Amino acid sequence: MLEVIAQSVDDAKVIEASGAHRIELVSGISEGGLTPSYGMIEQVVKAVKIPVNVMIRPHSYSFDYKSDDIKVMKQDIKVVESLGVNGIVIGCLKNNEVDFDLLKEFIKDVNCGITFHRAIDETQNPSLMFKKLTDLIGIKQVLTSGGPGKACDNFEELDKMYSMMSNKLLIGSGVTLNNISALCSRYPNANYHIGSDARVNQSFRNRIDEKHIRMIVEQIKGK
């Protein structure tokens, strides 16, 4: 499965046309991805038939959220889910570990799918956090590069995660046309997430490159 980041309705349409399997809809990609507007979410969901997952992240300061942030995020979750999305993408930390108490509070009444995002890569032991997350009811996937940096820098941690729960592993950061074949050979049952490599000249400043995504999809199919 290939998930591609979108920031607009046009992005979403091109991603669907490229043959990718799912969209992660965000705003503020230069800040690592923030919650998009409700209007954007509604229009994207209406515009495409493939699943749309939406980022729940009110700011880029940290993943250790204050009480007002938590109120905003809870309200965002309610509204986003009501707009017919496939799932939400969320993460929260406390003292450089996953804040499981807060996470459970966020997801207890959520009926759509839940992806825990790359906040996991800032923890001291990503593979241990992965195990605990995949044991949590409601967590469908965990987006991770196995630690700081790019996925290809963290094979040891990714190997551990893959051996635990391969179908819940969503590998992202530095996933490109140049390395997707090797990654799929190593992790054939994992899922993949691409951002800048889906765009012209591999830059978020540019539009989605449909042809480039098609080539990535073909590489995944070939494995």
C-alpha atoms as a PDB file:
ATOM      1  CA  MET A   1       0.000   0.000   0.000  1.00  0.00           C
ATOM      2  CA  LEU A   2       1.259   3.440  -0.936  1.00  0.00           C
ATOM      3  CA  GLU A   3       0.128   6.561   0.919  1.00  0.00           C
ATOM      4  CA  VAL A   4       0.956  10.003  -0.491  1.00  0.00           C
ATOM      5  CA  ILE A   5       0.817  13.395   1.231  1.00  0.00           C
ATOM      6  CA  ALA A   6      -1.656  15.915  -0.213  1.00  0.00           C
ATOM      7  CA  GLN A   7      -2.134  19.587   0.649  1.00  0.00           C
ATOM      8  CA  SER A   8      -4.973  20.477  -1.728  1.00  0.00           C
ATOM      9  CA  VAL A   9      -7.927  19.137  -3.697  1.00  0.00           C
ATOM     10  CA  ASP A  10      -5.842  19.133  -6.879  1.00  0.00           C
ATOM     11  CA  ASP A  11      -3.092  17.172  -5.116  1.00  0.00           C
ATOM     12  CA  ALA A  12      -5.654  14.595  -4.025  1.00  0.00           C
ATOM     13  CA  LYS A  13      -7.092  14.180  -7.515  1.00  0.00           C
ATOM     14  CA  VAL A  14      -3.675  13.661  -9.073  1.00  0.00           C
ATOM     15  CA  ILE A  15      -2.641  11.219  -6.343  1.00  0.00           C
ATOM     16  CA  GLU A  16      -5.771   9.166  -6.991  1.00  0.00           C
ATOM     17  CA  ALA A  17      -5.168   9.236 -10.755  1.00  0.00           C
ATOM     18  CA  SER A  18      -1.597   8.018 -10.207  1.00  0.00           C
ATOM     19  CA  GLY A  19      -2.773   4.733  -8.720  1.00  0.00           C
ATOM     20  CA  ALA A  20      -1.679   5.420  -5.132  1.00  0.00           C
ATOM     21  CA  HIS A  21      -3.831   3.745  -2.522  1.00  0.00           C
ATOM     22  CA  ARG A  22      -4.388   6.381   0.160  1.00  0.00           C
ATOM     23  CA  ILE A  23      -3.983  10.093   0.876  1.00  0.00           C
ATOM     24  CA  GLU A  24      -2.623  11.749   3.994  1.00  0.00           C
ATOM     25  CA  LEU A  25      -4.111  15.234   3.962  1.00  0.00           C
ATOM     26  CA  VAL A  26      -2.173  17.948   5.806  1.00  0.00           C
ATOM     27  CA  SER A  27      -1.494  21.658   5.841  1.00  0.00           C
ATOM     28  CA  GLY A  28       1.760  23.351   6.818  1.00  0.00           C
ATOM     29  CA  ILE A  29       3.994  20.704   5.321  1.00  0.00           C
ATOM     30  CA  SER A  30       7.077  22.872   5.923  1.00  0.00           C
ATOM     31  CA  GLU A  31       6.306  22.442   9.635  1.00  0.00           C
ATOM     32  CA  GLY A  32       5.987  18.683   9.358  1.00  0.00           C
ATOM     33  CA  GLY A  33       2.247  18.664   8.661  1.00  0.00           C
ATOM     34  CA  LEU A  34      -0.618  20.312  10.547  1.00  0.00           C
ATOM     35  CA  THR A  35      -4.393  19.900  10.642  1.00  0.00           C
ATOM     36  CA  PRO A  36      -5.951  21.190   7.403  1.00  0.00           C
ATOM     37  CA  SER A  37      -9.074  23.351   7.345  1.00  0.00           C
ATOM     38  CA  TYR A  38     -12.471  21.711   7.609  1.00  0.00           C
ATOM     39  CA  GLY A  39     -13.373  23.092   4.192  1.00  0.00           C
ATOM     40  CA  MET A  40     -10.311  21.482   2.638  1.00  0.00           C
ATOM     41  CA  ILE A  41     -11.048  18.145   4.281  1.00  0.00           C
ATOM     42  CA  GLU A  42     -14.665  18.151   3.115  1.00  0.00           C
ATOM     43  CA  GLN A  43     -13.786  19.008  -0.478  1.00  0.00           C
ATOM     44  CA  VAL A  44     -10.989  16.430  -0.705  1.00  0.00           C
ATOM     45  CA  VAL A  45     -13.208  13.663   0.662  1.00  0.00           C
ATOM     46  CA  LYS A  46     -15.853  14.584  -1.922  1.00  0.00           C
ATOM     47  CA  ALA A  47     -13.311  14.771  -4.761  1.00  0.00           C
ATOM     48  CA  VAL A  48     -11.738  11.296  -4.493  1.00  0.00           C
ATOM     49  CA  LYS A  49     -12.779   7.706  -3.919  1.00  0.00           C
ATOM     50  CA  ILE A  50      -9.561   6.453  -2.318  1.00  0.00           C
ATOM     51  CA  PRO A  51      -9.258   6.673   1.491  1.00  0.00           C
ATOM     52  CA  VAL A  52      -8.266   9.990   3.051  1.00  0.00           C
ATOM     53  CA  ASN A  53      -6.468  10.157   6.390  1.00  0.00           C
ATOM     54  CA  VAL A  54      -6.190  13.558   8.082  1.00  0.00           C
ATOM     55  CA  MET A  55      -3.477  14.948  10.327  1.00  0.00           C
ATOM     56  CA  ILE A  56      -4.517  16.037  13.823  1.00  0.00           C
ATOM     57  CA  ARG A  57      -1.770  18.405  14.924  1.00  0.00           C
ATOM     58  CA  PRO A  58      -2.497  21.977  16.043  1.00  0.00           C
ATOM     59  CA  HIS A  59       1.069  23.323  15.890  1.00  0.00           C
ATOM     60  CA  SER A  60       4.678  22.299  15.298  1.00  0.00           C
ATOM     61  CA  TYR A  61       6.213  23.336  18.615  1.00  0.00           C
ATOM     62  CA  SER A  62       6.346  19.831  20.066  1.00  0.00           C
ATOM     63  CA  PHE A  63       4.286  16.671  20.546  1.00  0.00           C
ATOM     64  CA  ASP A  64       3.892  17.354  24.272  1.00  0.00           C
ATOM     65  CA  TYR A  65       0.510  19.044  24.294  1.00  0.00           C
ATOM     66  CA  LYS A  66      -0.917  21.500  26.832  1.00  0.00           C
ATOM     67  CA  SER A  67      -4.513  21.484  28.075  1.00  0.00           C
ATOM     68  CA  ASP A  68      -5.723  24.034  25.490  1.00  0.00           C
ATOM     69  CA  ASP A  69      -4.052  22.066  22.691  1.00  0.00           C
ATOM     70  CA  ILE A  70      -5.820  18.923  23.870  1.00  0.00           C
ATOM     71  CA  LYS A  71      -9.219  20.645  23.782  1.00  0.00           C
ATOM     72  CA  VAL A  72      -8.548  21.790  20.213  1.00  0.00           C
ATOM     73  CA  MET A  73      -7.413  18.339  19.114  1.00  0.00           C
ATOM     74  CA  LYS A  74     -10.442  16.608  20.632  1.00  0.00           C
ATOM     75  CA  GLN A  75     -12.764  18.982  18.814  1.00  0.00           C
ATOM     76  CA  ASP A  76     -10.815  18.556  15.581  1.00  0.00           C
ATOM     77  CA  ILE A  77     -11.144  14.781  15.852  1.00  0.00           C
ATOM     78  CA  LYS A  78     -14.927  15.032  16.222  1.00  0.00           C
ATOM     79  CA  VAL A  79     -15.347  17.354  13.262  1.00  0.00           C
ATOM     80  CA  VAL A  80     -12.849  15.547  11.028  1.00  0.00           C
ATOM     81  CA  GLU A  81     -14.524  12.204  11.656  1.00  0.00           C
ATOM     82  CA  SER A  82     -17.939  13.709  10.856  1.00  0.00           C
ATOM     83  CA  LEU A  83     -16.610  14.753   7.431  1.00  0.00           C
ATOM     84  CA  GLY A  84     -16.289  11.126   6.333  1.00  0.00           C
ATOM     85  CA  VAL A  85     -12.543  10.583   6.443  1.00  0.00           C
ATOM     86  CA  ASN A  86     -11.010   7.122   6.444  1.00  0.00           C
ATOM     87  CA  GLY A  87      -8.846   7.862   9.469  1.00  0.00           C
ATOM     88  CA  ILE A  88      -6.912  10.315  11.589  1.00  0.00           C
ATOM     89  CA  VAL A  89      -3.160  10.660  12.001  1.00  0.00           C
ATOM     90  CA  ILE A  90      -2.075  11.622  15.493  1.00  0.00           C
ATOM     91  CA  GLY A  91       0.775  11.398  17.978  1.00  0.00           C
ATOM     92  CA  CYS A  92       1.616  12.622  21.470  1.00  0.00           C
ATOM     93  CA  LEU A  93       4.695  12.383  23.676  1.00  0.00           C
ATOM     94  CA  LYS A  94       5.624  12.991  27.286  1.00  0.00           C
ATOM     95  CA  ASN A  95       9.231  12.976  28.465  1.00  0.00           C
ATOM     96  CA  ASN A  96      10.326  11.576  25.077  1.00  0.00           C
ATOM     97  CA  GLU A  97       8.001   8.583  25.345  1.00  0.00           C
ATOM     98  CA  VAL A  98       4.572   7.962  23.854  1.00  0.00           C
ATOM     99  CA  ASP A  99       1.942   9.470  26.145  1.00  0.00           C
ATOM    100  CA  PHE A 100      -0.358   6.460  26.227  1.00  0.00           C
ATOM    101  CA  ASP A 101      -2.752   7.975  28.743  1.00  0.00           C
ATOM    102  CA  LEU A 102      -3.407  10.966  26.514  1.00  0.00           C
ATOM    103  CA  LEU A 103      -3.493   8.843  23.364  1.00  0.00           C
ATOM    104  CA  LYS A 104      -6.178   6.622  24.874  1.00  0.00           C
ATOM    105  CA  GLU A 105      -8.121   9.756  25.786  1.00  0.00           C
ATOM    106  CA  PHE A 106      -7.894  11.000  22.205  1.00  0.00           C
ATOM    107  CA  ILE A 107      -8.996   7.767  20.553  1.00  0.00           C
ATOM    108  CA  LYS A 108     -11.509   6.273  22.990  1.00  0.00           C
ATOM    109  CA  ASP A 109     -14.572   7.402  21.016  1.00  0.00           C
ATOM    110  CA  VAL A 110     -13.040   7.373  17.534  1.00  0.00           C
ATOM    111  CA  ASN A 111     -14.700   5.057  15.019  1.00  0.00           C
ATOM    112  CA  CYS A 112     -12.417   5.655  12.032  1.00  0.00           C
ATOM    113  CA  GLY A 113      -8.902   4.264  11.581  1.00  0.00           C
ATOM    114  CA  ILE A 114      -6.007   5.675  13.596  1.00  0.00           C
ATOM    115  CA  THR A 115      -2.392   6.067  12.472  1.00  0.00           C
ATOM    116  CA  PHE A 116       0.231   7.070  15.042  1.00  0.00           C
ATOM    117  CA  HIS A 117       2.639   9.376  13.228  1.00  0.00           C
ATOM    118  CA  ARG A 118       6.383   9.997  13.306  1.00  0.00           C
ATOM    119  CA  ALA A 119       6.371  11.363  16.834  1.00  0.00           C
ATOM    120  CA  ILE A 120       7.439   7.787  17.598  1.00  0.00           C
ATOM    121  CA  ASP A 121      10.812   8.523  15.984  1.00  0.00           C
ATOM    122  CA  GLU A 122      11.629  11.020  18.737  1.00  0.00           C
ATOM    123  CA  THR A 123      11.335   8.393  21.473  1.00  0.00           C
ATOM    124  CA  GLN A 124      14.271   6.603  23.104  1.00  0.00           C
ATOM    125  CA  ASN A 125      13.195   3.141  21.969  1.00  0.00           C
ATOM    126  CA  PRO A 126      11.031   3.282  18.823  1.00  0.00           C
ATOM    127  CA  SER A 127      10.647  -0.482  18.444  1.00  0.00           C
ATOM    128  CA  LEU A 128       9.395  -0.835  22.023  1.00  0.00           C
ATOM    129  CA  MET A 129       6.932   2.001  21.478  1.00  0.00           C
ATOM    130  CA  PHE A 130       5.847   0.342  18.221  1.00  0.00           C
ATOM    131  CA  LYS A 131       5.059  -2.887  20.071  1.00  0.00           C
ATOM    132  CA  LYS A 132       2.991  -1.064  22.676  1.00  0.00           C
ATOM    133  CA  LEU A 133       1.170   0.953  20.027  1.00  0.00           C
ATOM    134  CA  THR A 134       0.271  -2.046  17.894  1.00  0.00           C
ATOM    135  CA  ASP A 135      -1.126  -3.776  20.975  1.00  0.00           C
ATOM    136  CA  LEU A 136      -3.472  -0.809  21.517  1.00  0.00           C
ATOM    137  CA  ILE A 137      -6.970  -1.327  20.172  1.00  0.00           C
ATOM    138  CA  GLY A 138      -7.765   1.164  17.426  1.00  0.00           C
ATOM    139  CA  ILE A 139      -4.239   1.756  16.151  1.00  0.00           C
ATOM    140  CA  LYS A 140      -4.288   0.587  12.544  1.00  0.00           C
ATOM    141  CA  GLN A 141      -0.788   1.676  11.525  1.00  0.00           C
ATOM    142  CA  VAL A 142       2.325   3.397  12.811  1.00  0.00           C
ATOM    143  CA  LEU A 143       4.158   5.808  10.493  1.00  0.00           C
ATOM    144  CA  THR A 144       7.858   5.604  11.253  1.00  0.00           C
ATOM    145  CA  SER A 145      11.359   5.744   9.859  1.00  0.00           C
ATOM    146  CA  GLY A 146      12.576   3.585  12.738  1.00  0.00           C
ATOM    147  CA  GLY A 147      14.150   6.571  14.501  1.00  0.00           C
ATOM    148  CA  PRO A 148      15.608   9.989  13.655  1.00  0.00           C
ATOM    149  CA  GLY A 149      16.426  10.661  10.021  1.00  0.00           C
ATOM    150  CA  LYS A 150      15.463   8.540   7.062  1.00  0.00           C
ATOM    151  CA  ALA A 151      14.163   4.974   6.916  1.00  0.00           C
ATOM    152  CA  CYS A 152      17.296   3.704   5.201  1.00  0.00           C
ATOM    153  CA  ASP A 153      19.340   4.888   8.204  1.00  0.00           C
ATOM    154  CA  ASN A 154      17.376   2.772  10.664  1.00  0.00           C
ATOM    155  CA  PHE A 155      17.162  -0.776   9.365  1.00  0.00           C
ATOM    156  CA  GLU A 156      17.921  -2.327  12.756  1.00  0.00           C
ATOM    157  CA  GLU A 157      14.857  -0.752  14.379  1.00  0.00           C
ATOM    158  CA  LEU A 158      12.662  -1.290  11.318  1.00  0.00           C
ATOM    159  CA  ASP A 159      13.652  -4.960  11.260  1.00  0.00           C
ATOM    160  CA  LYS A 160      12.434  -5.306  14.841  1.00  0.00           C
ATOM    161  CA  MET A 161       9.158  -3.551  14.061  1.00  0.00           C
ATOM    162  CA  TYR A 162       8.581  -5.620  10.931  1.00  0.00           C
ATOM    163  CA  SER A 163       9.065  -8.857  12.844  1.00  0.00           C
ATOM    164  CA  MET A 164       6.450  -7.755  15.396  1.00  0.00           C
ATOM    165  CA  MET A 165       3.586  -6.602  13.166  1.00  0.00           C
ATOM    166  CA  SER A 166       4.469  -6.124   9.515  1.00  0.00           C
ATOM    167  CA  ASN A 167       0.998  -5.080   8.327  1.00  0.00           C
ATOM    168  CA  LYS A 168       0.864  -2.184  10.815  1.00  0.00           C
ATOM    169  CA  LEU A 169       4.240  -0.793   9.738  1.00  0.00           C
ATOM    170  CA  LEU A 170       3.952   2.316   7.546  1.00  0.00           C
ATOM    171  CA  ILE A 171       7.475   3.247   6.470  1.00  0.00           C
ATOM    172  CA  GLY A 172       8.112   6.906   5.707  1.00  0.00           C
ATOM    173  CA  SER A 173      10.862   9.535   5.447  1.00  0.00           C
ATOM    174  CA  GLY A 174      13.298   9.294   2.597  1.00  0.00           C
ATOM    175  CA  VAL A 175      11.211   6.732   0.705  1.00  0.00           C
ATOM    176  CA  THR A 176      11.869   7.392  -2.990  1.00  0.00           C
ATOM    177  CA  LEU A 177      11.653   5.846  -6.427  1.00  0.00           C
ATOM    178  CA  ASN A 178      15.359   5.051  -6.111  1.00  0.00           C
ATOM    179  CA  ASN A 179      15.024   2.932  -2.973  1.00  0.00           C
ATOM    180  CA  ILE A 180      11.426   1.674  -2.927  1.00  0.00           C
ATOM    181  CA  SER A 181      12.347  -1.567  -4.665  1.00  0.00           C
ATOM    182  CA  ALA A 182      15.031  -2.389  -2.090  1.00  0.00           C
ATOM    183  CA  LEU A 183      12.714  -1.446   0.773  1.00  0.00           C
ATOM    184  CA  CYS A 184       9.932  -3.636  -0.597  1.00  0.00           C
ATOM    185  CA  SER A 185      12.347  -6.543  -0.955  1.00  0.00           C
ATOM    186  CA  ARG A 186      13.357  -6.196   2.685  1.00  0.00           C
ATOM    187  CA  TYR A 187       9.849  -5.420   3.998  1.00  0.00           C
ATOM    188  CA  PRO A 188       7.388  -6.954   1.491  1.00  0.00           C
ATOM    189  CA  ASN A 189       4.352  -6.840   3.785  1.00  0.00           C
ATOM    190  CA  ALA A 190       4.896  -3.292   5.062  1.00  0.00           C
ATOM    191  CA  ASN A 191       3.146  -0.184   3.775  1.00  0.00           C
ATOM    192  CA  TYR A 192       4.846   2.924   2.396  1.00  0.00           C
ATOM    193  CA  HIS A 193       4.415   6.688   2.755  1.00  0.00           C
ATOM    194  CA  ILE A 194       5.919   9.335   0.481  1.00  0.00           C
ATOM    195  CA  GLY A 195       5.976  13.107   0.668  1.00  0.00           C
ATOM    196  CA  SER A 196       8.426  15.255  -1.255  1.00  0.00           C
ATOM    197  CA  ASP A 197       9.398  12.450  -3.652  1.00  0.00           C
ATOM    198  CA  ALA A 198       5.839  12.527  -5.011  1.00  0.00           C
ATOM    199  CA  ARG A 199       6.422  16.048  -6.358  1.00  0.00           C
ATOM    200  CA  VAL A 200       8.211  17.607  -9.297  1.00  0.00           C
ATOM    201  CA  ASN A 201      11.928  17.854  -8.502  1.00  0.00           C
ATOM    202  CA  GLN A 202      11.179  16.236  -5.125  1.00  0.00           C
ATOM    203  CA  SER A 203      10.183  19.555  -3.576  1.00  0.00           C
ATOM    204  CA  PHE A 204       7.059  20.455  -1.600  1.00  0.00           C
ATOM    205  CA  ARG A 205       7.159  23.796  -3.399  1.00  0.00           C
ATOM    206  CA  ASN A 206       6.076  21.999  -6.584  1.00  0.00           C
ATOM    207  CA  ARG A 207       2.995  20.154  -7.796  1.00  0.00           C
ATOM    208  CA  ILE A 208       2.355  16.420  -7.540  1.00  0.00           C
ATOM    209  CA  ASP A 209       4.157  14.403 -10.221  1.00  0.00           C
ATOM    210  CA  GLU A 210       1.633  11.816 -11.405  1.00  0.00           C
ATOM    211  CA  LYS A 211       4.079   9.956 -13.633  1.00  0.00           C
ATOM    212  CA  HIS A 212       6.628   9.659 -10.826  1.00  0.00           C
ATOM    213  CA  ILE A 213       4.072   8.223  -8.414  1.00  0.00           C
ATOM    214  CA  ARG A 214       2.941   5.748 -11.063  1.00  0.00           C
ATOM    215  CA  MET A 215       6.494   4.443 -11.294  1.00  0.00           C
ATOM    216  CA  ILE A 216       6.640   4.000  -7.525  1.00  0.00           C
ATOM    217  CA  VAL A 217       3.324   2.148  -7.558  1.00  0.00           C
ATOM    218  CA  GLU A 218       4.654  -0.170 -10.262  1.00  0.00           C
ATOM    219  CA  GLN A 219       7.758  -0.888  -8.183  1.00  0.00           C
ATOM    220  CA  ILE A 220       5.568  -1.848  -5.233  1.00  0.00           C
ATOM    221  CA  LYS A 221       3.361  -4.049  -7.411  1.00  0.00           C
ATOM    222  CA  GLY A 222       6.468  -5.743  -8.780  1.00  0.00           C
ATOM    223  CA  LYS A 223       7.338  -6.962  -5.296  1.00  0.00           C
END
